[in-house]
Amino acid sequence: MLQNELHKKLLPLDKIMAKQFAILGFILFVSACKSRKSSIESSTHRSLILIAEEYCGGAAPSMEMLEDLAKPKPYKSSLLYWCYLDSVEMKIIDLKEIFTDKNGFLEFENSSKEILLFFEKPRAEKSAEEVKQLSPKEREIYECEKEFYSQPNGIISSENFSTLDTVFMTKTCNHCRPLE
């Protein structure tokens, strides 16, 4: 009899504890989801891309125009080419396209390698036979452009992957081709 009364009194406590455990379980579940989300977010790196431009010819620009071109601005919704730096062979491998977002940000997976950024695709190398077929002037332009387009316009250092990074890039003029 005493045991029956005790069981009746404990039954409401069991329901209360079950509710508390359910609430605690839900809170732990939500916390685990947030923790998973932050670990996923921390595996990526965001960089703000700011560009300045050179004046590349035409009518003489005003001072205001030159100042405006030289002032860094976010590179919004624009195409860039990128690759990891192969530090052993020091050459470009597996060039990929990426777009900045509407605010000028890029997002990459964290890496132990530096990321090279280009406004334009580096030129494909011609074979020795193809280079022989070029006139002296064409060969000069080819060599100049090969060098010009192989230089990265920006570098994202692997040391900065733990922080928000700002990359300053300058759009330079291609001086390899003579004005006609």
N, C-alpha and C. Protein backbone atom coordinates (compact mmCIF):
# COMPACT_ATOMS: atom_id res chain seq x y z
N MET A 1 0.82 -1.18 0.00
CA MET A 1 0.00 0.00 0.00
C MET A 1 0.87 1.26 0.00
N LEU A 2 1.85 1.30 0.88
CA LEU A 2 2.75 2.43 0.97
C LEU A 2 3.54 2.58 -0.33
N GLN A 3 3.88 1.44 -0.86
CA GLN A 3 4.64 1.45 -2.12
C GLN A 3 3.77 2.02 -3.25
N ASN A 4 2.49 1.70 -3.27
CA ASN A 4 1.55 2.19 -4.28
C ASN A 4 1.40 3.71 -4.19
N GLU A 5 1.29 4.23 -2.98
CA GLU A 5 1.17 5.67 -2.78
C GLU A 5 2.45 6.40 -3.21
N LEU A 6 3.56 5.80 -2.87
CA LEU A 6 4.84 6.38 -3.25
C LEU A 6 4.98 6.40 -4.78
N HIS A 7 4.54 5.33 -5.41
CA HIS A 7 4.61 5.25 -6.88
C HIS A 7 3.73 6.33 -7.53
N LYS A 8 2.53 6.58 -6.95
CA LYS A 8 1.63 7.61 -7.48
C LYS A 8 2.23 9.01 -7.33
N LYS A 9 2.96 9.24 -6.22
CA LYS A 9 3.58 10.54 -6.00
C LYS A 9 4.77 10.74 -6.94
N LEU A 10 5.51 9.66 -7.22
CA LEU A 10 6.69 9.76 -8.09
C LEU A 10 6.32 9.86 -9.56
N LEU A 11 5.17 9.37 -9.95
CA LEU A 11 4.75 9.38 -11.35
C LEU A 11 4.74 10.80 -11.93
N PRO A 12 4.18 11.82 -11.24
CA PRO A 12 4.26 13.18 -11.77
C PRO A 12 5.71 13.67 -11.87
N LEU A 13 6.56 13.24 -10.92
CA LEU A 13 7.96 13.63 -10.97
C LEU A 13 8.64 13.02 -12.21
N ASP A 14 8.29 11.79 -12.56
CA ASP A 14 8.85 11.15 -13.76
C ASP A 14 8.48 11.93 -15.01
N LYS A 15 7.22 12.40 -15.07
CA LYS A 15 6.78 13.17 -16.24
C LYS A 15 7.52 14.50 -16.32
N ILE A 16 7.72 15.13 -15.18
CA ILE A 16 8.45 16.40 -15.14
C ILE A 16 9.90 16.18 -15.58
N MET A 17 10.52 15.12 -15.05
CA MET A 17 11.91 14.82 -15.42
C MET A 17 12.02 14.45 -16.89
N ALA A 18 11.04 13.74 -17.42
CA ALA A 18 11.06 13.38 -18.84
C ALA A 18 10.99 14.64 -19.70
N LYS A 19 10.15 15.59 -19.30
CA LYS A 19 10.07 16.86 -20.03
C LYS A 19 11.39 17.62 -19.95
N GLN A 20 11.99 17.63 -18.75
CA GLN A 20 13.26 18.33 -18.58
C GLN A 20 14.36 17.68 -19.43
N PHE A 21 14.36 16.34 -19.45
CA PHE A 21 15.35 15.65 -20.29
C PHE A 21 15.12 15.91 -21.78
N ALA A 22 13.86 15.99 -22.17
CA ALA A 22 13.55 16.29 -23.57
C ALA A 22 14.03 17.70 -23.93
N ILE A 23 13.78 18.65 -23.04
CA ILE A 23 14.23 20.03 -23.28
C ILE A 23 15.75 20.09 -23.31
N LEU A 24 16.38 19.41 -22.35
CA LEU A 24 17.85 19.37 -22.31
C LEU A 24 18.42 18.73 -23.58
N GLY A 25 17.79 17.65 -24.03
CA GLY A 25 18.22 16.99 -25.27
C GLY A 25 18.11 17.92 -26.47
N PHE A 26 17.01 18.67 -26.53
CA PHE A 26 16.80 19.61 -27.63
C PHE A 26 17.87 20.71 -27.61
N ILE A 27 18.15 21.23 -26.42
CA ILE A 27 19.18 22.27 -26.28
C ILE A 27 20.55 21.74 -26.71
N LEU A 28 20.87 20.53 -26.29
CA LEU A 28 22.15 19.92 -26.70
C LEU A 28 22.21 19.71 -28.21
N PHE A 29 21.09 19.29 -28.80
CA PHE A 29 21.04 19.09 -30.24
C PHE A 29 21.28 20.40 -30.99
N VAL A 30 20.61 21.47 -30.57
CA VAL A 30 20.79 22.78 -31.21
C VAL A 30 22.22 23.26 -31.05
N SER A 31 22.79 23.08 -29.86
CA SER A 31 24.18 23.50 -29.62
C SER A 31 25.14 22.72 -30.51
N ALA A 32 24.89 21.43 -30.67
CA ALA A 32 25.76 20.61 -31.52
C ALA A 32 25.66 21.07 -32.97
N CYS A 33 24.47 21.44 -33.42
CA CYS A 33 24.31 21.93 -34.79
C CYS A 33 25.08 23.23 -34.99
N LYS A 34 24.97 24.14 -34.03
CA LYS A 34 25.71 25.40 -34.14
C LYS A 34 27.20 25.16 -34.12
N SER A 35 27.65 24.24 -33.29
CA SER A 35 29.08 23.91 -33.22
C SER A 35 29.55 23.34 -34.54
N ARG A 36 28.75 22.47 -35.15
CA ARG A 36 29.10 21.87 -36.45
C ARG A 36 29.15 22.96 -37.51
N LYS A 37 28.18 23.88 -37.47
CA LYS A 37 28.15 24.97 -38.45
C LYS A 37 29.39 25.85 -38.33
N SER A 38 29.80 26.18 -37.10
CA SER A 38 30.97 27.04 -36.94
C SER A 38 32.24 26.32 -37.36
N SER A 39 32.31 25.00 -37.17
CA SER A 39 33.51 24.28 -37.62
C SER A 39 33.55 24.21 -39.13
N ILE A 40 32.37 24.13 -39.77
CA ILE A 40 32.33 24.15 -41.24
C ILE A 40 32.75 25.53 -41.73
N GLU A 41 32.21 26.58 -41.09
CA GLU A 41 32.55 27.94 -41.50
C GLU A 41 34.04 28.22 -41.32
N SER A 42 34.63 27.68 -40.29
CA SER A 42 36.04 27.97 -40.04
C SER A 42 36.95 27.23 -41.02
N SER A 43 36.41 26.30 -41.80
CA SER A 43 37.24 25.61 -42.78
C SER A 43 37.35 26.41 -44.08
N THR A 44 36.69 27.56 -44.12
CA THR A 44 36.80 28.43 -45.30
C THR A 44 37.44 29.75 -44.91
N HIS A 45 37.94 30.42 -45.91
CA HIS A 45 38.60 31.70 -45.71
C HIS A 45 37.97 32.73 -46.64
N ARG A 46 37.67 33.91 -46.10
CA ARG A 46 37.11 34.99 -46.92
C ARG A 46 38.16 36.08 -47.09
N SER A 47 38.25 36.57 -48.31
CA SER A 47 39.14 37.69 -48.60
C SER A 47 38.36 38.78 -49.32
N LEU A 48 38.58 40.02 -48.92
CA LEU A 48 38.02 41.16 -49.62
C LEU A 48 39.02 41.56 -50.70
N ILE A 49 38.55 41.64 -51.93
CA ILE A 49 39.42 42.01 -53.06
C ILE A 49 39.18 43.49 -53.37
N LEU A 50 40.25 44.28 -53.24
CA LEU A 50 40.20 45.70 -53.59
C LEU A 50 41.11 45.92 -54.78
N ILE A 51 40.62 46.66 -55.78
CA ILE A 51 41.46 46.91 -56.96
C ILE A 51 41.63 48.40 -57.22
N ALA A 52 42.77 48.70 -57.78
CA ALA A 52 43.05 50.03 -58.34
C ALA A 52 43.42 49.76 -59.79
N GLU A 53 43.33 50.77 -60.63
CA GLU A 53 43.61 50.57 -62.05
C GLU A 53 44.61 51.61 -62.55
N GLU A 54 45.37 51.20 -63.54
CA GLU A 54 46.26 52.13 -64.25
C GLU A 54 45.47 52.78 -65.37
N TYR A 55 45.89 53.95 -65.76
CA TYR A 55 45.32 54.59 -66.94
C TYR A 55 46.03 53.99 -68.15
N CYS A 56 45.25 53.46 -69.09
CA CYS A 56 45.85 52.70 -70.20
C CYS A 56 45.77 53.40 -71.55
N GLY A 57 45.74 54.67 -71.58
CA GLY A 57 45.82 55.37 -72.86
C GLY A 57 44.52 56.00 -73.29
N GLY A 58 44.58 56.67 -74.43
CA GLY A 58 43.44 57.41 -74.93
C GLY A 58 43.67 58.88 -74.68
N ALA A 59 42.60 59.63 -74.64
CA ALA A 59 42.70 61.07 -74.39
C ALA A 59 43.30 61.31 -73.00
N ALA A 60 44.00 62.40 -72.86
CA ALA A 60 44.63 62.73 -71.58
C ALA A 60 43.57 62.79 -70.48
N PRO A 61 43.76 62.04 -69.39
CA PRO A 61 42.76 62.02 -68.32
C PRO A 61 42.89 63.24 -67.40
N SER A 62 41.80 63.56 -66.74
CA SER A 62 41.85 64.63 -65.74
C SER A 62 42.49 64.07 -64.47
N MET A 63 42.90 64.95 -63.58
CA MET A 63 43.48 64.52 -62.31
C MET A 63 42.45 63.73 -61.49
N GLU A 64 41.19 64.17 -61.56
CA GLU A 64 40.14 63.46 -60.83
C GLU A 64 40.00 62.03 -61.34
N MET A 65 40.09 61.85 -62.65
CA MET A 65 39.98 60.51 -63.23
C MET A 65 41.16 59.63 -62.79
N LEU A 66 42.37 60.19 -62.81
CA LEU A 66 43.54 59.44 -62.37
C LEU A 66 43.44 59.07 -60.89
N GLU A 67 42.96 60.00 -60.08
CA GLU A 67 42.80 59.74 -58.65
C GLU A 67 41.75 58.66 -58.40
N ASP A 68 40.65 58.73 -59.18
CA ASP A 68 39.60 57.73 -59.04
C ASP A 68 40.10 56.34 -59.44
N LEU A 69 40.86 56.25 -60.51
CA LEU A 69 41.40 54.95 -60.95
C LEU A 69 42.36 54.38 -59.90
N ALA A 70 43.14 55.23 -59.26
CA ALA A 70 44.14 54.79 -58.29
C ALA A 70 43.54 54.43 -56.93
N LYS A 71 42.31 54.86 -56.68
CA LYS A 71 41.67 54.61 -55.38
C LYS A 71 41.16 53.16 -55.34
N PRO A 72 41.60 52.36 -54.35
CA PRO A 72 41.13 50.97 -54.26
C PRO A 72 39.62 50.90 -54.04
N LYS A 73 38.97 50.01 -54.82
CA LYS A 73 37.53 49.79 -54.72
C LYS A 73 37.27 48.29 -54.68
N PRO A 74 36.17 47.86 -54.03
CA PRO A 74 35.86 46.43 -54.03
C PRO A 74 35.64 45.94 -55.47
N TYR A 75 36.18 44.77 -55.76
CA TYR A 75 36.04 44.14 -57.08
C TYR A 75 34.77 43.30 -57.05
N LYS A 76 33.63 43.94 -57.29
CA LYS A 76 32.31 43.35 -57.08
C LYS A 76 31.86 42.48 -58.25
N SER A 77 31.30 41.31 -57.90
CA SER A 77 30.67 40.39 -58.88
C SER A 77 31.52 40.24 -60.13
N SER A 78 32.79 39.96 -59.95
CA SER A 78 33.72 39.91 -61.08
C SER A 78 34.49 38.60 -61.11
N LEU A 79 34.90 38.23 -62.30
CA LEU A 79 35.64 37.00 -62.53
C LEU A 79 37.12 37.17 -62.23
N LEU A 80 37.68 36.20 -61.52
CA LEU A 80 39.12 36.10 -61.32
C LEU A 80 39.52 34.66 -61.62
N TYR A 81 40.78 34.47 -61.94
CA TYR A 81 41.34 33.13 -62.10
C TYR A 81 42.26 32.89 -60.92
N TRP A 82 42.30 31.66 -60.44
CA TRP A 82 43.12 31.36 -59.27
C TRP A 82 43.73 29.97 -59.37
N CYS A 83 44.79 29.79 -58.63
CA CYS A 83 45.41 28.48 -58.48
C CYS A 83 46.24 28.49 -57.21
N TYR A 84 46.59 27.30 -56.75
CA TYR A 84 47.53 27.20 -55.63
C TYR A 84 48.93 27.32 -56.20
N LEU A 85 49.82 27.88 -55.42
CA LEU A 85 51.22 27.98 -55.84
C LEU A 85 51.89 26.63 -55.61
N ASP A 86 52.45 26.06 -56.67
CA ASP A 86 53.24 24.83 -56.55
C ASP A 86 54.64 25.27 -56.16
N SER A 87 54.95 25.18 -54.88
CA SER A 87 56.21 25.72 -54.38
C SER A 87 57.42 24.88 -54.79
N VAL A 88 57.18 23.66 -55.25
CA VAL A 88 58.29 22.82 -55.70
C VAL A 88 58.70 23.22 -57.11
N GLU A 89 57.72 23.23 -58.03
CA GLU A 89 58.03 23.53 -59.42
C GLU A 89 57.87 25.01 -59.76
N MET A 90 57.31 25.78 -58.83
CA MET A 90 57.09 27.22 -59.03
C MET A 90 56.38 27.50 -60.35
N LYS A 91 55.28 26.76 -60.58
CA LYS A 91 54.52 27.03 -61.78
C LYS A 91 53.03 26.92 -61.49
N ILE A 92 52.24 27.44 -62.42
CA ILE A 92 50.80 27.47 -62.27
C ILE A 92 50.22 26.13 -62.68
N ILE A 93 49.45 25.55 -61.77
CA ILE A 93 48.83 24.26 -62.05
C ILE A 93 47.35 24.37 -61.74
N ASP A 94 46.53 23.81 -62.63
CA ASP A 94 45.09 23.69 -62.39
C ASP A 94 44.43 25.04 -62.14
N LEU A 95 44.50 25.92 -63.11
CA LEU A 95 43.89 27.24 -63.02
C LEU A 95 42.37 27.11 -63.01
N LYS A 96 41.71 27.82 -62.10
CA LYS A 96 40.25 27.75 -61.96
C LYS A 96 39.66 29.16 -61.99
N GLU A 97 38.36 29.22 -62.28
CA GLU A 97 37.64 30.50 -62.26
C GLU A 97 36.91 30.63 -60.93
N ILE A 98 36.78 31.88 -60.48
CA ILE A 98 36.00 32.17 -59.28
C ILE A 98 35.44 33.58 -59.43
N PHE A 99 34.26 33.80 -58.88
CA PHE A 99 33.64 35.12 -58.93
C PHE A 99 33.62 35.72 -57.54
N THR A 100 33.89 37.01 -57.46
CA THR A 100 33.70 37.73 -56.20
C THR A 100 32.20 37.92 -56.01
N ASP A 101 31.78 38.10 -54.78
CA ASP A 101 30.35 38.33 -54.53
C ASP A 101 30.02 39.81 -54.76
N LYS A 102 28.80 40.19 -54.47
CA LYS A 102 28.34 41.56 -54.74
C LYS A 102 29.06 42.61 -53.90
N ASN A 103 29.79 42.16 -52.86
CA ASN A 103 30.55 43.10 -52.02
C ASN A 103 32.05 43.04 -52.27
N GLY A 104 32.48 42.17 -53.17
CA GLY A 104 33.90 42.05 -53.49
C GLY A 104 34.64 40.97 -52.71
N PHE A 105 33.92 40.04 -52.08
CA PHE A 105 34.55 38.99 -51.30
C PHE A 105 34.71 37.70 -52.10
N LEU A 106 35.79 36.99 -51.81
CA LEU A 106 36.03 35.64 -52.32
C LEU A 106 36.01 34.70 -51.13
N GLU A 107 35.64 33.46 -51.37
CA GLU A 107 35.67 32.46 -50.31
C GLU A 107 36.40 31.22 -50.82
N PHE A 108 37.38 30.76 -50.04
CA PHE A 108 38.19 29.59 -50.38
C PHE A 108 38.21 28.60 -49.23
N GLU A 109 38.46 27.35 -49.58
CA GLU A 109 38.74 26.36 -48.55
C GLU A 109 40.12 26.70 -47.97
N ASN A 110 40.28 26.54 -46.67
CA ASN A 110 41.58 26.78 -46.05
C ASN A 110 42.60 25.81 -46.64
N SER A 111 43.81 26.28 -46.78
CA SER A 111 44.87 25.47 -47.36
C SER A 111 46.20 25.88 -46.75
N SER A 112 47.17 25.00 -46.87
CA SER A 112 48.51 25.34 -46.40
C SER A 112 49.32 25.99 -47.52
N LYS A 113 48.70 26.13 -48.70
CA LYS A 113 49.39 26.71 -49.85
C LYS A 113 48.88 28.12 -50.13
N GLU A 114 49.74 28.92 -50.72
CA GLU A 114 49.33 30.26 -51.12
C GLU A 114 48.45 30.18 -52.36
N ILE A 115 47.53 31.14 -52.48
CA ILE A 115 46.62 31.21 -53.62
C ILE A 115 47.04 32.39 -54.48
N LEU A 116 47.22 32.12 -55.77
CA LEU A 116 47.57 33.17 -56.73
C LEU A 116 46.30 33.61 -57.44
N LEU A 117 46.13 34.92 -57.61
CA LEU A 117 44.96 35.48 -58.28
C LEU A 117 45.38 36.22 -59.53
N PHE A 118 44.58 36.07 -60.59
CA PHE A 118 44.85 36.71 -61.88
C PHE A 118 43.57 37.35 -62.42
N PHE A 119 43.72 38.51 -63.06
CA PHE A 119 42.58 39.12 -63.75
C PHE A 119 42.30 38.38 -65.05
N GLU A 120 43.35 37.92 -65.71
CA GLU A 120 43.21 37.20 -66.98
C GLU A 120 43.96 35.89 -66.91
N LYS A 121 43.52 34.93 -67.73
CA LYS A 121 44.21 33.63 -67.77
C LYS A 121 45.63 33.83 -68.26
N PRO A 122 46.59 33.21 -67.58
CA PRO A 122 47.96 33.22 -68.13
C PRO A 122 47.95 32.55 -69.50
N ARG A 123 48.76 33.05 -70.39
CA ARG A 123 48.81 32.52 -71.75
C ARG A 123 49.42 31.12 -71.77
N ALA A 124 48.83 30.27 -72.61
CA ALA A 124 49.37 28.92 -72.77
C ALA A 124 50.71 29.02 -73.49
N GLU A 125 51.64 28.20 -73.05
CA GLU A 125 52.96 28.22 -73.69
C GLU A 125 52.88 27.56 -75.05
N LYS A 126 53.56 28.15 -75.99
CA LYS A 126 53.65 27.57 -77.34
C LYS A 126 54.83 26.61 -77.36
N SER A 127 54.74 25.65 -78.26
CA SER A 127 55.86 24.72 -78.42
C SER A 127 57.02 25.46 -79.09
N ALA A 128 58.21 24.88 -79.01
CA ALA A 128 59.38 25.49 -79.64
C ALA A 128 59.15 25.65 -81.14
N GLU A 129 58.47 24.69 -81.72
CA GLU A 129 58.17 24.74 -83.17
C GLU A 129 57.24 25.91 -83.48
N GLU A 130 56.23 26.11 -82.64
CA GLU A 130 55.31 27.23 -82.86
C GLU A 130 56.03 28.57 -82.71
N VAL A 131 56.93 28.67 -81.75
CA VAL A 131 57.67 29.92 -81.53
C VAL A 131 58.57 30.20 -82.72
N LYS A 132 59.16 29.17 -83.30
CA LYS A 132 60.01 29.35 -84.49
C LYS A 132 59.23 29.93 -85.67
N GLN A 133 57.95 29.60 -85.74
CA GLN A 133 57.11 30.06 -86.85
C GLN A 133 56.73 31.54 -86.74
N LEU A 134 56.94 32.13 -85.58
CA LEU A 134 56.58 33.53 -85.37
C LEU A 134 57.62 34.46 -85.98
N SER A 135 57.16 35.61 -86.44
CA SER A 135 58.09 36.63 -86.92
C SER A 135 58.83 37.19 -85.70
N PRO A 136 59.94 37.89 -85.89
CA PRO A 136 60.66 38.47 -84.75
C PRO A 136 59.77 39.37 -83.89
N LYS A 137 58.93 40.18 -84.50
CA LYS A 137 58.04 41.07 -83.75
C LYS A 137 56.99 40.26 -82.97
N GLU A 138 56.41 39.24 -83.63
CA GLU A 138 55.43 38.38 -82.96
C GLU A 138 56.06 37.62 -81.80
N ARG A 139 57.30 37.18 -81.98
CA ARG A 139 58.02 36.46 -80.93
C ARG A 139 58.25 37.39 -79.72
N GLU A 140 58.62 38.63 -80.03
CA GLU A 140 58.84 39.60 -78.96
C GLU A 140 57.55 39.84 -78.16
N ILE A 141 56.43 40.00 -78.89
CA ILE A 141 55.13 40.20 -78.23
C ILE A 141 54.75 38.95 -77.43
N TYR A 142 54.94 37.77 -78.02
CA TYR A 142 54.61 36.51 -77.32
C TYR A 142 55.40 36.40 -76.02
N GLU A 143 56.69 36.63 -76.05
CA GLU A 143 57.54 36.53 -74.86
C GLU A 143 57.13 37.56 -73.80
N CYS A 144 56.83 38.77 -74.26
CA CYS A 144 56.41 39.83 -73.35
C CYS A 144 55.09 39.45 -72.68
N GLU A 145 54.09 39.00 -73.47
CA GLU A 145 52.78 38.65 -72.92
C GLU A 145 52.85 37.41 -72.04
N LYS A 146 53.70 36.46 -72.39
CA LYS A 146 53.86 35.27 -71.57
C LYS A 146 54.32 35.69 -70.16
N GLU A 147 55.26 36.60 -70.12
CA GLU A 147 55.76 37.11 -68.84
C GLU A 147 54.69 37.96 -68.12
N PHE A 148 54.04 38.85 -68.88
CA PHE A 148 53.03 39.76 -68.31
C PHE A 148 51.88 38.99 -67.67
N TYR A 149 51.33 38.00 -68.39
CA TYR A 149 50.16 37.28 -67.89
C TYR A 149 50.51 36.18 -66.89
N SER A 150 51.77 35.82 -66.75
CA SER A 150 52.13 34.78 -65.78
C SER A 150 52.35 35.36 -64.37
N GLN A 151 52.42 36.68 -64.27
CA GLN A 151 52.61 37.33 -62.97
C GLN A 151 51.26 37.45 -62.27
N PRO A 152 51.14 36.91 -61.06
CA PRO A 152 49.85 37.03 -60.36
C PRO A 152 49.56 38.49 -60.02
N ASN A 153 48.28 38.83 -60.06
CA ASN A 153 47.86 40.18 -59.69
C ASN A 153 47.63 40.31 -58.20
N GLY A 154 47.49 39.17 -57.52
CA GLY A 154 47.30 39.17 -56.08
C GLY A 154 47.66 37.82 -55.50
N ILE A 155 48.00 37.80 -54.23
CA ILE A 155 48.35 36.56 -53.54
C ILE A 155 47.64 36.54 -52.19
N ILE A 156 47.01 35.41 -51.90
CA ILE A 156 46.42 35.20 -50.58
C ILE A 156 47.35 34.25 -49.85
N SER A 157 47.96 34.75 -48.81
CA SER A 157 48.94 33.98 -48.05
C SER A 157 48.24 32.98 -47.14
N SER A 158 48.79 31.79 -47.05
CA SER A 158 48.22 30.77 -46.16
C SER A 158 48.29 31.21 -44.70
N GLU A 159 49.17 32.13 -44.38
CA GLU A 159 49.29 32.64 -43.00
C GLU A 159 48.05 33.44 -42.59
N ASN A 160 47.31 33.97 -43.59
CA ASN A 160 46.15 34.81 -43.29
C ASN A 160 44.84 34.03 -43.27
N PHE A 161 44.87 32.70 -43.41
CA PHE A 161 43.63 31.94 -43.48
C PHE A 161 42.82 31.97 -42.20
N SER A 162 43.42 32.32 -41.09
CA SER A 162 42.66 32.35 -39.85
C SER A 162 41.95 33.68 -39.64
N THR A 163 42.20 34.66 -40.49
CA THR A 163 41.59 35.97 -40.33
C THR A 163 40.96 36.42 -41.64
N LEU A 164 40.13 37.43 -41.56
CA LEU A 164 39.60 38.06 -42.76
C LEU A 164 40.75 38.80 -43.41
N ASP A 165 40.93 38.59 -44.67
CA ASP A 165 42.08 39.11 -45.38
C ASP A 165 41.62 40.14 -46.40
N THR A 166 42.39 41.20 -46.60
CA THR A 166 42.13 42.16 -47.66
C THR A 166 43.28 42.06 -48.64
N VAL A 167 42.93 41.83 -49.91
CA VAL A 167 43.94 41.68 -50.96
C VAL A 167 43.83 42.90 -51.87
N PHE A 168 44.93 43.64 -52.00
CA PHE A 168 44.98 44.79 -52.89
C PHE A 168 45.57 44.34 -54.23
N MET A 169 44.85 44.62 -55.31
CA MET A 169 45.30 44.24 -56.64
C MET A 169 45.27 45.47 -57.55
N THR A 170 46.17 45.51 -58.51
CA THR A 170 46.19 46.61 -59.48
C THR A 170 46.02 46.04 -60.88
N LYS A 171 45.04 46.58 -61.60
CA LYS A 171 44.87 46.21 -63.00
C LYS A 171 45.88 47.05 -63.79
N THR A 172 46.90 46.37 -64.29
CA THR A 172 47.94 47.07 -65.04
C THR A 172 47.67 46.96 -66.53
N CYS A 173 48.24 47.86 -67.28
CA CYS A 173 48.07 47.89 -68.73
C CYS A 173 49.03 46.90 -69.39
N ASN A 174 48.56 46.27 -70.44
CA ASN A 174 49.39 45.39 -71.23
C ASN A 174 50.19 46.27 -72.20
N HIS A 175 51.48 46.46 -71.89
CA HIS A 175 52.33 47.31 -72.74
C HIS A 175 53.09 46.49 -73.78
N CYS A 176 52.71 45.23 -73.92
CA CYS A 176 53.42 44.35 -74.86
C CYS A 176 53.06 44.62 -76.32
N ARG A 177 51.85 45.03 -76.55
CA ARG A 177 51.40 45.27 -77.92
C ARG A 177 51.57 46.75 -78.27
N PRO A 178 52.21 47.02 -79.37
CA PRO A 178 52.37 48.43 -79.77
C PRO A 178 51.02 49.03 -80.18
N LEU A 179 50.87 50.32 -79.92
CA LEU A 179 49.66 51.02 -80.37
C LEU A 179 49.68 51.10 -81.88
N GLU A 180 48.53 50.84 -82.47
CA GLU A 180 48.47 50.89 -83.94
C GLU A 180 47.60 52.00 -84.43
